[in-house]
């Protein structure tokens, strides 16, 4: 069974791992959005199914709903997959093992005060 899956993956998916990540997660997002559209029409949320069936051109609202859900859910799935790229799966903590180059170092800075000034908003 795995030989067929590997052959299909090699044939249809890109060789670059990043583009493969994008394609696989985009397909997952499209599948989730298809399930959402089916669930919305099946459960008739907001009487939407009845409204679309009674419309003269039902294709326009269906395409608008599908396009909005596909764009939103593909973005969520791909974005969460990209955010999880640096996560260490064994320890459960986020980030890589390398120290951050942009992490500021905290060092105390000595400051001398000349005189004590009155506060600007003191009422006398």
PDB file of N, CA and C in Angstrom:
ATOM      1  N   UNK A   1       0.827  -1.200   0.000  1.00  0.00           N
ATOM      2  CA  UNK A   1       0.000   0.000   0.000  1.00  0.00           C
ATOM      3  C   UNK A   1       0.866   1.257   0.000  1.00  0.00           C
ATOM      4  N   UNK A   2       1.959   1.237   0.755  1.00  0.00           N
ATOM      5  CA  UNK A   2       2.801   2.432   0.816  1.00  0.00           C
ATOM      6  C   UNK A   2       3.547   2.662  -0.493  1.00  0.00           C
ATOM      7  N   UNK A   3       3.774   1.597  -1.257  1.00  0.00           N
ATOM      8  CA  UNK A   3       4.460   1.759  -2.538  1.00  0.00           C
ATOM      9  C   UNK A   3       3.596   2.571  -3.491  1.00  0.00           C
ATOM     10  N   UNK A   4       2.287   2.314  -3.509  1.00  0.00           N
ATOM     11  CA  UNK A   4       1.392   3.082  -4.369  1.00  0.00           C
ATOM     12  C   UNK A   4       1.320   4.540  -3.930  1.00  0.00           C
ATOM     13  N   UNK A   5       1.244   4.763  -2.619  1.00  0.00           N
ATOM     14  CA  UNK A   5       1.165   6.130  -2.105  1.00  0.00           C
ATOM     15  C   UNK A   5       2.449   6.885  -2.418  1.00  0.00           C
ATOM     16  N   UNK A   6       3.605   6.242  -2.255  1.00  0.00           N
ATOM     17  CA  UNK A   6       4.871   6.895  -2.572  1.00  0.00           C
ATOM     18  C   UNK A   6       4.984   7.208  -4.060  1.00  0.00           C
ATOM     19  N   UNK A   7       4.507   6.290  -4.906  1.00  0.00           N
ATOM     20  CA  UNK A   7       4.561   6.534  -6.350  1.00  0.00           C
ATOM     21  C   UNK A   7       3.657   7.690  -6.741  1.00  0.00           C
ATOM     22  N   UNK A   8       2.490   7.761  -6.134  1.00  0.00           N
ATOM     23  CA  UNK A   8       1.571   8.872  -6.414  1.00  0.00           C
ATOM     24  C   UNK A   8       2.165  10.183  -5.915  1.00  0.00           C
ATOM     25  N   UNK A   9       2.758  10.154  -4.716  1.00  0.00           N
ATOM     26  CA  UNK A   9       3.354  11.369  -4.163  1.00  0.00           C
ATOM     27  C   UNK A   9       4.515  11.849  -5.022  1.00  0.00           C
ATOM     28  N   UNK A  10       5.346  10.934  -5.488  1.00  0.00           N
ATOM     29  CA  UNK A  10       6.472  11.334  -6.333  1.00  0.00           C
ATOM     30  C   UNK A  10       6.008  11.860  -7.685  1.00  0.00           C
ATOM     31  N   UNK A  11       4.895  11.332  -8.161  1.00  0.00           N
ATOM     32  CA  UNK A  11       4.429  11.728  -9.488  1.00  0.00           C
ATOM     33  C   UNK A  11       3.732  13.082  -9.485  1.00  0.00           C
ATOM     34  N   UNK A  12       2.910  13.348  -8.473  1.00  0.00           N
ATOM     35  CA  UNK A  12       2.063  14.542  -8.508  1.00  0.00           C
ATOM     36  C   UNK A  12       2.525  15.676  -7.593  1.00  0.00           C
ATOM     37  N   UNK A  13       3.304  15.383  -6.568  1.00  0.00           N
ATOM     38  CA  UNK A  13       3.720  16.436  -5.639  1.00  0.00           C
ATOM     39  C   UNK A  13       5.071  17.005  -6.054  1.00  0.00           C
ATOM     40  N   UNK A  14       5.309  18.281  -5.758  1.00  0.00           N
ATOM     41  CA  UNK A  14       6.609  18.873  -6.098  1.00  0.00           C
ATOM     42  C   UNK A  14       7.739  18.242  -5.282  1.00  0.00           C
ATOM     43  N   UNK A  15       8.951  18.319  -5.816  1.00  0.00           N
ATOM     44  CA  UNK A  15      10.103  17.740  -5.123  1.00  0.00           C
ATOM     45  C   UNK A  15      10.584  18.624  -3.981  1.00  0.00           C
ATOM     46  N   UNK A  16      10.426  19.914  -4.121  1.00  0.00           N
ATOM     47  CA  UNK A  16      10.858  20.841  -3.082  1.00  0.00           C
ATOM     48  C   UNK A  16       9.981  20.659  -1.841  1.00  0.00           C
ATOM     49  N   UNK A  17      10.577  20.460  -0.657  1.00  0.00           N
ATOM     50  CA  UNK A  17       9.768  20.198   0.541  1.00  0.00           C
ATOM     51  C   UNK A  17       8.831  21.345   0.919  1.00  0.00           C
ATOM     52  N   UNK A  18       9.259  22.582   0.676  1.00  0.00           N
ATOM     53  CA  UNK A  18       8.394  23.707   1.038  1.00  0.00           C
ATOM     54  C   UNK A  18       7.145  23.744   0.164  1.00  0.00           C
ATOM     55  N   UNK A  19       7.329  23.562  -1.139  1.00  0.00           N
ATOM     56  CA  UNK A  19       6.166  23.559  -2.031  1.00  0.00           C
ATOM     57  C   UNK A  19       5.284  22.335  -1.792  1.00  0.00           C
ATOM     58  N   UNK A  20       5.896  21.223  -1.411  1.00  0.00           N
ATOM     59  CA  UNK A  20       5.119  20.041  -1.050  1.00  0.00           C
ATOM     60  C   UNK A  20       4.277  20.331   0.188  1.00  0.00           C
ATOM     61  N   UNK A  21       4.856  21.021   1.156  1.00  0.00           N
ATOM     62  CA  UNK A  21       4.113  21.422   2.354  1.00  0.00           C
ATOM     63  C   UNK A  21       2.931  22.310   1.983  1.00  0.00           C
ATOM     64  N   UNK A  22       3.166  23.258   1.088  1.00  0.00           N
ATOM     65  CA  UNK A  22       2.087  24.145   0.661  1.00  0.00           C
ATOM     66  C   UNK A  22       0.977  23.393  -0.061  1.00  0.00           C
ATOM     67  N   UNK A  23       1.343  22.480  -0.961  1.00  0.00           N
ATOM     68  CA  UNK A  23       0.332  21.751  -1.735  1.00  0.00           C
ATOM     69  C   UNK A  23      -0.487  20.839  -0.834  1.00  0.00           C
ATOM     70  N   UNK A  24       0.180  20.087   0.022  1.00  0.00           N
ATOM     71  CA  UNK A  24      -0.538  19.142   0.890  1.00  0.00           C
ATOM     72  C   UNK A  24      -1.478  19.881   1.835  1.00  0.00           C
ATOM     73  N   UNK A  25      -1.007  20.953   2.435  1.00  0.00           N
ATOM     74  CA  UNK A  25      -1.855  21.679   3.378  1.00  0.00           C
ATOM     75  C   UNK A  25      -2.933  22.488   2.669  1.00  0.00           C
ATOM     76  N   UNK A  26      -2.668  22.930   1.448  1.00  0.00           N
ATOM     77  CA  UNK A  26      -3.722  23.602   0.680  1.00  0.00           C
ATOM     78  C   UNK A  26      -4.845  22.632   0.336  1.00  0.00           C
ATOM     79  N   UNK A  27      -4.483  21.422  -0.048  1.00  0.00           N
ATOM     80  CA  UNK A  27      -5.507  20.411  -0.327  1.00  0.00           C
ATOM     81  C   UNK A  27      -6.303  20.069   0.931  1.00  0.00           C
ATOM     82  N   UNK A  28      -5.627  20.037   2.075  1.00  0.00           N
ATOM     83  CA  UNK A  28      -6.344  19.793   3.331  1.00  0.00           C
ATOM     84  C   UNK A  28      -7.314  20.934   3.620  1.00  0.00           C
ATOM     85  N   UNK A  29      -6.894  22.173   3.379  1.00  0.00           N
ATOM     86  CA  UNK A  29      -7.781  23.320   3.587  1.00  0.00           C
ATOM     87  C   UNK A  29      -8.971  23.316   2.653  1.00  0.00           C
ATOM     88  N   UNK A  30      -8.754  22.911   1.395  1.00  0.00           N
ATOM     89  CA  UNK A  30      -9.867  22.817   0.441  1.00  0.00           C
ATOM     90  C   UNK A  30     -10.843  21.731   0.881  1.00  0.00           C
ATOM     91  N   UNK A  31     -10.320  20.619   1.373  1.00  0.00           N
ATOM     92  CA  UNK A  31     -11.189  19.549   1.862  1.00  0.00           C
ATOM     93  C   UNK A  31     -12.008  19.974   3.067  1.00  0.00           C
ATOM     94  N   UNK A  32     -11.371  20.686   3.992  1.00  0.00           N
ATOM     95  CA  UNK A  32     -12.093  21.174   5.169  1.00  0.00           C
ATOM     96  C   UNK A  32     -13.165  22.177   4.763  1.00  0.00           C
ATOM     97  N   UNK A  33     -12.844  23.047   3.814  1.00  0.00           N
ATOM     98  CA  UNK A  33     -13.851  24.018   3.373  1.00  0.00           C
ATOM     99  C   UNK A  33     -14.997  23.329   2.643  1.00  0.00           C
ATOM    100  N   UNK A  34     -14.716  22.260   1.907  1.00  0.00           N
ATOM    101  CA  UNK A  34     -15.789  21.490   1.280  1.00  0.00           C
ATOM    102  C   UNK A  34     -16.710  20.866   2.317  1.00  0.00           C
ATOM    103  N   UNK A  35     -16.114  20.351   3.388  1.00  0.00           N
ATOM    104  CA  UNK A  35     -16.932  19.806   4.479  1.00  0.00           C
ATOM    105  C   UNK A  35     -17.767  20.897   5.143  1.00  0.00           C
ATOM    106  N   UNK A  36     -17.179  22.075   5.286  1.00  0.00           N
ATOM    107  CA  UNK A  36     -17.925  23.181   5.900  1.00  0.00           C
ATOM    108  C   UNK A  36     -19.105  23.614   5.027  1.00  0.00           C
ATOM    109  N   UNK A  37     -18.891  23.724   3.725  1.00  0.00           N
ATOM    110  CA  UNK A  37     -19.980  24.111   2.818  1.00  0.00           C
ATOM    111  C   UNK A  37     -21.080  23.056   2.844  1.00  0.00           C
ATOM    112  N   UNK A  38     -20.685  21.792   2.804  1.00  0.00           N
ATOM    113  CA  UNK A  38     -21.672  20.719   2.886  1.00  0.00           C
ATOM    114  C   UNK A  38     -22.442  20.750   4.195  1.00  0.00           C
ATOM    115  N   UNK A  39     -21.742  21.023   5.295  1.00  0.00           N
ATOM    116  CA  UNK A  39     -22.404  21.113   6.593  1.00  0.00           C
ATOM    117  C   UNK A  39     -23.345  22.300   6.687  1.00  0.00           C
ATOM    118  N   UNK A  40     -22.949  23.410   6.089  1.00  0.00           N
ATOM    119  CA  UNK A  40     -23.815  24.598   6.102  1.00  0.00           C
ATOM    120  C   UNK A  40     -25.087  24.338   5.309  1.00  0.00           C
ATOM    121  N   UNK A  41     -24.944  23.719   4.134  1.00  0.00           N
ATOM    122  CA  UNK A  41     -26.138  23.437   3.330  1.00  0.00           C
ATOM    123  C   UNK A  41     -26.995  22.332   3.948  1.00  0.00           C
ATOM    124  N   UNK A  42     -26.360  21.338   4.557  1.00  0.00           N
ATOM    125  CA  UNK A  42     -27.120  20.239   5.152  1.00  0.00           C
ATOM    126  C   UNK A  42     -27.909  20.703   6.373  1.00  0.00           C
ATOM    127  N   UNK A  43     -27.275  21.531   7.209  1.00  0.00           N
ATOM    128  CA  UNK A  43     -27.955  21.975   8.430  1.00  0.00           C
ATOM    129  C   UNK A  43     -28.828  23.208   8.205  1.00  0.00           C
ATOM    130  N   UNK A  44     -28.765  23.798   7.017  1.00  0.00           N
ATOM    131  CA  UNK A  44     -29.613  24.936   6.645  1.00  0.00           C
ATOM    132  C   UNK A  44     -29.461  26.098   7.638  1.00  0.00           C
ATOM    133  N   UNK A  45     -28.230  26.486   7.880  1.00  0.00           N
ATOM    134  CA  UNK A  45     -27.943  27.569   8.820  1.00  0.00           C
ATOM    135  C   UNK A  45     -28.481  28.877   8.255  1.00  0.00           C
ATOM    136  N   UNK A  46     -29.272  29.561   9.050  1.00  0.00           N
ATOM    137  CA  UNK A  46     -29.837  30.846   8.639  1.00  0.00           C
ATOM    138  C   UNK A  46     -30.772  30.730   7.450  1.00  0.00           C
ATOM    139  N   UNK A  47     -31.356  29.565   7.266  1.00  0.00           N
ATOM    140  CA  UNK A  47     -32.280  29.324   6.159  1.00  0.00           C
ATOM    141  C   UNK A  47     -31.592  29.554   4.806  1.00  0.00           C
ATOM    142  N   UNK A  48     -30.276  29.327   4.773  1.00  0.00           N
ATOM    143  CA  UNK A  48     -29.473  29.621   3.590  1.00  0.00           C
ATOM    144  C   UNK A  48     -29.790  28.687   2.424  1.00  0.00           C
ATOM    145  N   UNK A  49     -30.004  27.419   2.712  1.00  0.00           N
ATOM    146  CA  UNK A  49     -30.294  26.463   1.641  1.00  0.00           C
ATOM    147  C   UNK A  49     -31.600  26.798   0.937  1.00  0.00           C
ATOM    148  N   UNK A  50     -32.603  27.179   1.711  1.00  0.00           N
ATOM    149  CA  UNK A  50     -33.900  27.538   1.127  1.00  0.00           C
ATOM    150  C   UNK A  50     -33.767  28.801   0.286  1.00  0.00           C
ATOM    151  N   UNK A  51     -33.001  29.765   0.773  1.00  0.00           N
ATOM    152  CA  UNK A  51     -32.807  31.005   0.019  1.00  0.00           C
ATOM    153  C   UNK A  51     -32.079  30.754  -1.302  1.00  0.00           C
ATOM    154  N   UNK A  52     -31.058  29.908  -1.269  1.00  0.00           N
ATOM    155  CA  UNK A  52     -30.296  29.640  -2.490  1.00  0.00           C
ATOM    156  C   UNK A  52     -31.123  28.828  -3.480  1.00  0.00           C
ATOM    157  N   UNK A  53     -31.902  27.872  -2.981  1.00  0.00           N
ATOM    158  CA  UNK A  53     -32.749  27.081  -3.888  1.00  0.00           C
ATOM    159  C   UNK A  53     -33.834  27.934  -4.544  1.00  0.00           C
ATOM    160  N   UNK A  54     -34.299  28.956  -3.858  1.00  0.00           N
ATOM    161  CA  UNK A  54     -35.342  29.816  -4.407  1.00  0.00           C
ATOM    162  C   UNK A  54     -34.819  30.936  -5.281  1.00  0.00           C
ATOM    163  N   UNK A  55     -33.508  31.087  -5.366  1.00  0.00           N
ATOM    164  CA  UNK A  55     -32.916  32.168  -6.150  1.00  0.00           C
ATOM    165  C   UNK A  55     -32.941  31.833  -7.641  1.00  0.00           C
ATOM    166  N   UNK A  56     -32.960  32.890  -8.471  1.00  0.00           N
ATOM    167  CA  UNK A  56     -32.943  32.693  -9.923  1.00  0.00           C
ATOM    168  C   UNK A  56     -31.582  32.196 -10.412  1.00  0.00           C
ATOM    169  N   UNK A  57     -30.518  32.703  -9.808  1.00  0.00           N
ATOM    170  CA  UNK A  57     -29.167  32.259 -10.177  1.00  0.00           C
ATOM    171  C   UNK A  57     -28.447  31.792  -8.905  1.00  0.00           C
ATOM    172  N   UNK A  58     -28.616  30.539  -8.524  1.00  0.00           N
ATOM    173  CA  UNK A  58     -28.026  30.068  -7.266  1.00  0.00           C
ATOM    174  C   UNK A  58     -26.514  29.873  -7.334  1.00  0.00           C
ATOM    175  N   UNK A  59     -25.946  29.917  -8.521  1.00  0.00           N
ATOM    176  CA  UNK A  59     -24.516  29.677  -8.655  1.00  0.00           C
ATOM    177  C   UNK A  59     -23.680  30.802  -8.030  1.00  0.00           C
ATOM    178  N   UNK A  60     -24.149  32.034  -8.114  1.00  0.00           N
ATOM    179  CA  UNK A  60     -23.379  33.174  -7.601  1.00  0.00           C
ATOM    180  C   UNK A  60     -23.213  33.104  -6.081  1.00  0.00           C
ATOM    181  N   UNK A  61     -24.274  32.938  -5.280  1.00  0.00           N
ATOM    182  CA  UNK A  61     -24.048  32.860  -3.833  1.00  0.00           C
ATOM    183  C   UNK A  61     -23.275  31.617  -3.412  1.00  0.00           C
ATOM    184  N   UNK A  62     -23.453  30.514  -4.139  1.00  0.00           N
ATOM    185  CA  UNK A  62     -22.689  29.308  -3.801  1.00  0.00           C
ATOM    186  C   UNK A  62     -21.201  29.546  -4.053  1.00  0.00           C
ATOM    187  N   UNK A  63     -20.867  30.146  -5.189  1.00  0.00           N
ATOM    188  CA  UNK A  63     -19.458  30.432  -5.496  1.00  0.00           C
ATOM    189  C   UNK A  63     -18.854  31.432  -4.514  1.00  0.00           C
ATOM    190  N   UNK A  64     -19.646  32.419  -4.099  1.00  0.00           N
ATOM    191  CA  UNK A  64     -19.135  33.389  -3.126  1.00  0.00           C
ATOM    192  C   UNK A  64     -18.862  32.719  -1.784  1.00  0.00           C
ATOM    193  N   UNK A  65     -19.757  31.844  -1.347  1.00  0.00           N
ATOM    194  CA  UNK A  65     -19.563  31.136  -0.084  1.00  0.00           C
ATOM    195  C   UNK A  65     -18.365  30.201  -0.164  1.00  0.00           C
ATOM    196  N   UNK A  66     -18.269  29.455  -1.251  1.00  0.00           N
ATOM    197  CA  UNK A  66     -17.158  28.514  -1.412  1.00  0.00           C
ATOM    198  C   UNK A  66     -15.828  29.263  -1.502  1.00  0.00           C
ATOM    199  N   UNK A  67     -15.784  30.345  -2.269  1.00  0.00           N
ATOM    200  CA  UNK A  67     -14.531  31.101  -2.418  1.00  0.00           C
ATOM    201  C   UNK A  67     -14.082  31.690  -1.085  1.00  0.00           C
ATOM    202  N   UNK A  68     -15.013  32.244  -0.332  1.00  0.00           N
ATOM    203  CA  UNK A  68     -14.650  32.812   0.967  1.00  0.00           C
ATOM    204  C   UNK A  68     -14.136  31.767   1.935  1.00  0.00           C
ATOM    205  N   UNK A  69     -14.804  30.620   1.984  1.00  0.00           N
ATOM    206  CA  UNK A  69     -14.360  29.565   2.892  1.00  0.00           C
ATOM    207  C   UNK A  69     -13.043  28.946   2.445  1.00  0.00           C
ATOM    208  N   UNK A  70     -12.859  28.771   1.146  1.00  0.00           N
ATOM    209  CA  UNK A  70     -11.602  28.191   0.661  1.00  0.00           C
ATOM    210  C   UNK A  70     -10.434  29.116   0.978  1.00  0.00           C
ATOM    211  N   UNK A  71     -10.580  30.395   0.700  1.00  0.00           N
ATOM    212  CA  UNK A  71      -9.491  31.343   0.975  1.00  0.00           C
ATOM    213  C   UNK A  71      -9.173  31.376   2.463  1.00  0.00           C
ATOM    214  N   UNK A  72     -10.204  31.431   3.294  1.00  0.00           N
ATOM    215  CA  UNK A  72      -9.991  31.528   4.735  1.00  0.00           C
ATOM    216  C   UNK A  72      -9.366  30.263   5.300  1.00  0.00           C
ATOM    217  N   UNK A  73      -9.936  29.109   4.992  1.00  0.00           N
ATOM    218  CA  UNK A  73      -9.476  27.877   5.624  1.00  0.00           C
ATOM    219  C   UNK A  73      -8.150  27.382   5.053  1.00  0.00           C
ATOM    220  N   UNK A  74      -7.887  27.618   3.776  1.00  0.00           N
ATOM    221  CA  UNK A  74      -6.564  27.277   3.238  1.00  0.00           C
ATOM    222  C   UNK A  74      -5.499  28.150   3.900  1.00  0.00           C
ATOM    223  N   UNK A  75      -5.800  29.420   4.102  1.00  0.00           N
ATOM    224  CA  UNK A  75      -4.844  30.307   4.771  1.00  0.00           C
ATOM    225  C   UNK A  75      -4.581  29.863   6.200  1.00  0.00           C
ATOM    226  N   UNK A  76      -5.614  29.435   6.894  1.00  0.00           N
ATOM    227  CA  UNK A  76      -5.443  28.978   8.281  1.00  0.00           C
ATOM    228  C   UNK A  76      -4.594  27.716   8.334  1.00  0.00           C
ATOM    229  N   UNK A  77      -4.890  26.749   7.495  1.00  0.00           N
ATOM    230  CA  UNK A  77      -4.161  25.478   7.527  1.00  0.00           C
ATOM    231  C   UNK A  77      -2.706  25.668   7.098  1.00  0.00           C
ATOM    232  N   UNK A  78      -2.472  26.406   6.028  1.00  0.00           N
ATOM    233  CA  UNK A  78      -1.101  26.626   5.562  1.00  0.00           C
ATOM    234  C   UNK A  78      -0.326  27.476   6.566  1.00  0.00           C
ATOM    235  N   UNK A  79      -0.966  28.499   7.113  1.00  0.00           N
ATOM    236  CA  UNK A  79      -0.294  29.336   8.106  1.00  0.00           C
ATOM    237  C   UNK A  79       0.074  28.571   9.356  1.00  0.00           C
ATOM    238  N   UNK A  80      -0.814  27.722   9.842  1.00  0.00           N
ATOM    239  CA  UNK A  80      -0.486  26.949  11.038  1.00  0.00           C
ATOM    240  C   UNK A  80       0.588  25.908  10.741  1.00  0.00           C
ATOM    241  N   UNK A  81       0.609  25.361   9.536  1.00  0.00           N
ATOM    242  CA  UNK A  81       1.671  24.415   9.179  1.00  0.00           C
ATOM    243  C   UNK A  81       3.022  25.116   9.108  1.00  0.00           C
ATOM    244  N   UNK A  82       3.048  26.320   8.577  1.00  0.00           N
ATOM    245  CA  UNK A  82       4.303  27.067   8.506  1.00  0.00           C
ATOM    246  C   UNK A  82       4.768  27.472   9.899  1.00  0.00           C
ATOM    247  N   UNK A  83       3.843  27.863  10.756  1.00  0.00           N
ATOM    248  CA  UNK A  83       4.220  28.243  12.117  1.00  0.00           C
ATOM    249  C   UNK A  83       4.756  27.060  12.916  1.00  0.00           C
ATOM    250  N   UNK A  84       4.327  25.854  12.589  1.00  0.00           N
ATOM    251  CA  UNK A  84       4.791  24.670  13.304  1.00  0.00           C
ATOM    252  C   UNK A  84       6.097  24.111  12.753  1.00  0.00           C
ATOM    253  N   UNK A  85       6.672  24.726  11.737  1.00  0.00           N
ATOM    254  CA  UNK A  85       7.911  24.211  11.160  1.00  0.00           C
ATOM    255  C   UNK A  85       9.060  24.205  12.157  1.00  0.00           C
ATOM    256  N   UNK A  86       9.186  25.214  12.985  1.00  0.00           N
ATOM    257  CA  UNK A  86      10.292  25.287  13.925  1.00  0.00           C
ATOM    258  C   UNK A  86      10.035  24.586  15.234  1.00  0.00           C
ATOM    259  N   UNK A  87       8.863  23.996  15.413  1.00  0.00           N
ATOM    260  CA  UNK A  87       8.526  23.369  16.688  1.00  0.00           C
ATOM    261  C   UNK A  87       9.281  22.056  16.843  1.00  0.00           C
ATOM    262  N   UNK A  88       9.777  21.827  18.057  1.00  0.00           N
ATOM    263  CA  UNK A  88      10.447  20.579  18.385  1.00  0.00           C
ATOM    264  C   UNK A  88       9.382  19.575  18.805  1.00  0.00           C
ATOM    265  N   UNK A  89       9.238  18.504  18.066  1.00  0.00           N
ATOM    266  CA  UNK A  89       8.157  17.549  18.319  1.00  0.00           C
ATOM    267  C   UNK A  89       8.398  16.722  19.575  1.00  0.00           C
ATOM    268  N   UNK A  90       9.650  16.544  20.007  1.00  0.00           N
ATOM    269  CA  UNK A  90       9.913  15.674  21.149  1.00  0.00           C
ATOM    270  C   UNK A  90       9.684  16.385  22.471  1.00  0.00           C
ATOM    271  N   UNK A  91      10.086  17.630  22.592  1.00  0.00           N
ATOM    272  CA  UNK A  91       9.965  18.343  23.859  1.00  0.00           C
ATOM    273  C   UNK A  91       8.652  19.093  23.998  1.00  0.00           C
ATOM    274  N   UNK A  92       8.035  19.426  22.919  1.00  0.00           N
ATOM    275  CA  UNK A  92       6.766  20.135  22.983  1.00  0.00           C
ATOM    276  C   UNK A  92       6.902  21.642  23.045  1.00  0.00           C
ATOM    277  N   UNK A  93       8.118  22.167  23.100  1.00  0.00           N
ATOM    278  CA  UNK A  93       8.306  23.605  23.166  1.00  0.00           C
ATOM    279  C   UNK A  93       8.473  24.206  21.790  1.00  0.00           C
ATOM    280  N   UNK A  94       8.081  25.465  21.607  1.00  0.00           N
ATOM    281  CA  UNK A  94       8.228  26.093  20.297  1.00  0.00           C
ATOM    282  C   UNK A  94       9.657  26.561  20.050  1.00  0.00           C
ATOM    283  N   UNK A  95       9.979  26.765  18.807  1.00  0.00           N
ATOM    284  CA  UNK A  95      11.256  27.353  18.444  1.00  0.00           C
ATOM    285  C   UNK A  95      12.322  26.326  18.127  1.00  0.00           C
ATOM    286  N   UNK A  96      13.427  26.789  17.625  1.00  0.00           N
ATOM    287  CA  UNK A  96      14.517  25.887  17.279  1.00  0.00           C
ATOM    288  C   UNK A  96      15.509  25.822  18.427  1.00  0.00           C
ATOM    289  N   UNK A  97      16.505  24.969  18.273  1.00  0.00           N
ATOM    290  CA  UNK A  97      17.507  24.798  19.320  1.00  0.00           C
ATOM    291  C   UNK A  97      18.588  25.872  19.260  1.00  0.00           C
ATOM    292  N   UNK A  98      18.676  26.584  18.157  1.00  0.00           N
ATOM    293  CA  UNK A  98      19.681  27.625  18.020  1.00  0.00           C
ATOM    294  C   UNK A  98      19.249  28.883  18.766  1.00  0.00           C
ATOM    295  N   UNK A  99      20.198  29.604  19.371  1.00  0.00           N
ATOM    296  CA  UNK A  99      19.812  30.853  20.041  1.00  0.00           C
ATOM    297  C   UNK A  99      19.394  31.904  19.022  1.00  0.00           C
ATOM    298  N   UNK A 100      18.511  32.750  19.431  1.00  0.00           N
ATOM    299  CA  UNK A 100      18.006  33.781  18.534  1.00  0.00           C
ATOM    300  C   UNK A 100      19.051  34.875  18.357  1.00  0.00           C
ATOM    301  N   UNK A 101      19.203  35.336  17.128  1.00  0.00           N
ATOM    302  CA  UNK A 101      20.156  36.408  16.858  1.00  0.00           C
ATOM    303  C   UNK A 101      19.603  37.768  17.249  1.00  0.00           C
ATOM    304  N   UNK A 102      18.283  37.875  17.329  1.00  0.00           N
ATOM    305  CA  UNK A 102      17.665  39.162  17.591  1.00  0.00           C
ATOM    306  C   UNK A 102      17.199  39.303  19.033  1.00  0.00           C
ATOM    307  N   UNK A 103      17.539  38.356  19.882  1.00  0.00           N
ATOM    308  CA  UNK A 103      17.122  38.425  21.279  1.00  0.00           C
ATOM    309  C   UNK A 103      18.000  39.439  22.011  1.00  0.00           C
ATOM    310  N   UNK A 104      17.401  40.439  22.626  1.00  0.00           N
ATOM    311  CA  UNK A 104      18.222  41.458  23.292  1.00  0.00           C
ATOM    312  C   UNK A 104      18.833  40.917  24.579  1.00  0.00           C
ATOM    313  N   UNK A 105      20.039  41.408  24.870  1.00  0.00           N
ATOM    314  CA  UNK A 105      20.695  41.058  26.126  1.00  0.00           C
ATOM    315  C   UNK A 105      20.368  42.138  27.146  1.00  0.00           C
ATOM    316  N   UNK A 106      20.012  41.709  28.327  1.00  0.00           N
ATOM    317  CA  UNK A 106      19.702  42.663  29.383  1.00  0.00           C
ATOM    318  C   UNK A 106      20.965  42.968  30.171  1.00  0.00           C
ATOM    319  N   UNK A 107      21.390  44.226  30.128  1.00  0.00           N
ATOM    320  CA  UNK A 107      22.567  44.667  30.862  1.00  0.00           C
ATOM    321  C   UNK A 107      22.200  45.928  31.628  1.00  0.00           C
ATOM    322  N   UNK A 108      22.563  45.998  32.912  1.00  0.00           N
ATOM    323  CA  UNK A 108      22.256  47.213  33.671  1.00  0.00           C
ATOM    324  C   UNK A 108      23.115  48.385  33.187  1.00  0.00           C
ATOM    325  N   UNK A 109      22.501  49.552  33.123  1.00  0.00           N
ATOM    326  CA  UNK A 109      23.188  50.762  32.691  1.00  0.00           C
ATOM    327  C   UNK A 109      23.220  51.718  33.879  1.00  0.00           C
ATOM    328  N   UNK A 110      24.417  52.111  34.339  1.00  0.00           N
ATOM    329  CA  UNK A 110      24.483  53.049  35.467  1.00  0.00           C
ATOM    330  C   UNK A 110      24.059  54.454  35.030  1.00  0.00           C
ATOM    331  N   UNK A 111      23.195  55.067  35.819  1.00  0.00           N
ATOM    332  CA  UNK A 111      22.683  56.399  35.522  1.00  0.00           C
ATOM    333  C   UNK A 111      22.844  57.249  36.766  1.00  0.00           C
ATOM    334  N   UNK A 112      23.396  58.487  36.602  1.00  0.00           N
ATOM    335  CA  UNK A 112      23.544  59.408  37.724  1.00  0.00           C
ATOM    336  C   UNK A 112      22.496  60.500  37.599  1.00  0.00           C
ATOM    337  N   UNK A 113      21.814  60.767  38.698  1.00  0.00           N
ATOM    338  CA  UNK A 113      20.817  61.833  38.709  1.00  0.00           C
ATOM    339  C   UNK A 113      21.493  63.114  39.177  1.00  0.00           C
ATOM    340  N   UNK A 114      21.285  64.230  38.438  1.00  0.00           N
ATOM    341  CA  UNK A 114      21.905  65.500  38.795  1.00  0.00           C
ATOM    342  C   UNK A 114      21.239  66.092  40.031  1.00  0.00           C
ATOM    343  N   UNK A 115      20.007  66.455  39.912  1.00  0.00           N
ATOM    344  CA  UNK A 115      19.263  67.028  41.032  1.00  0.00           C
ATOM    345  C   UNK A 115      17.862  66.442  41.023  1.00  0.00           C
ATOM    346  N   UNK A 116      17.202  66.608  42.148  1.00  0.00           N
ATOM    347  CA  UNK A 116      15.827  66.143  42.238  1.00  0.00           C
ATOM    348  C   UNK A 116      14.934  67.273  41.751  1.00  0.00           C
ATOM    349  N   UNK A 117      14.152  67.022  40.717  1.00  0.00           N
ATOM    350  CA  UNK A 117      13.259  68.038  40.174  1.00  0.00           C
ATOM    351  C   UNK A 117      11.854  67.792  40.669  1.00  0.00           C
ATOM    352  N   UNK A 118      11.112  68.862  40.728  1.00  0.00           N
ATOM    353  CA  UNK A 118       9.702  68.743  41.084  1.00  0.00           C
ATOM    354  C   UNK A 118       8.951  68.145  39.903  1.00  0.00           C
ATOM    355  N   UNK A 119       7.898  67.450  40.201  1.00  0.00           N
ATOM    356  CA  UNK A 119       7.089  66.843  39.153  1.00  0.00           C
ATOM    357  C   UNK A 119       6.397  67.932  38.347  1.00  0.00           C
ATOM    358  N   UNK A 120       6.191  67.721  37.084  1.00  0.00           N
ATOM    359  CA  UNK A 120       5.592  68.724  36.206  1.00  0.00           C
ATOM    360  C   UNK A 120       4.196  69.120  36.630  1.00  0.00           C
ATOM    361  N   UNK A 121       3.456  68.194  37.157  1.00  0.00           N
ATOM    362  CA  UNK A 121       2.054  68.463  37.426  1.00  0.00           C
ATOM    363  C   UNK A 121       1.766  68.712  38.903  1.00  0.00           C
ATOM    364  N   UNK A 122       2.802  69.052  39.665  1.00  0.00           N
ATOM    365  CA  UNK A 122       2.565  69.374  41.082  1.00  0.00           C
ATOM    366  C   UNK A 122       1.781  70.670  41.188  1.00  0.00           C
ATOM    367  N   UNK A 123       0.768  70.672  42.033  1.00  0.00           N
ATOM    368  CA  UNK A 123      -0.036  71.871  42.254  1.00  0.00           C
ATOM    369  C   UNK A 123       0.429  72.485  43.563  1.00  0.00           C
ATOM    370  N   UNK A 124       0.820  73.771  43.512  1.00  0.00           N
ATOM    371  CA  UNK A 124       1.295  74.443  44.731  1.00  0.00           C
ATOM    372  C   UNK A 124       0.446  75.604  45.072  1.00  0.00           C
TER     373      UNK A 124
END
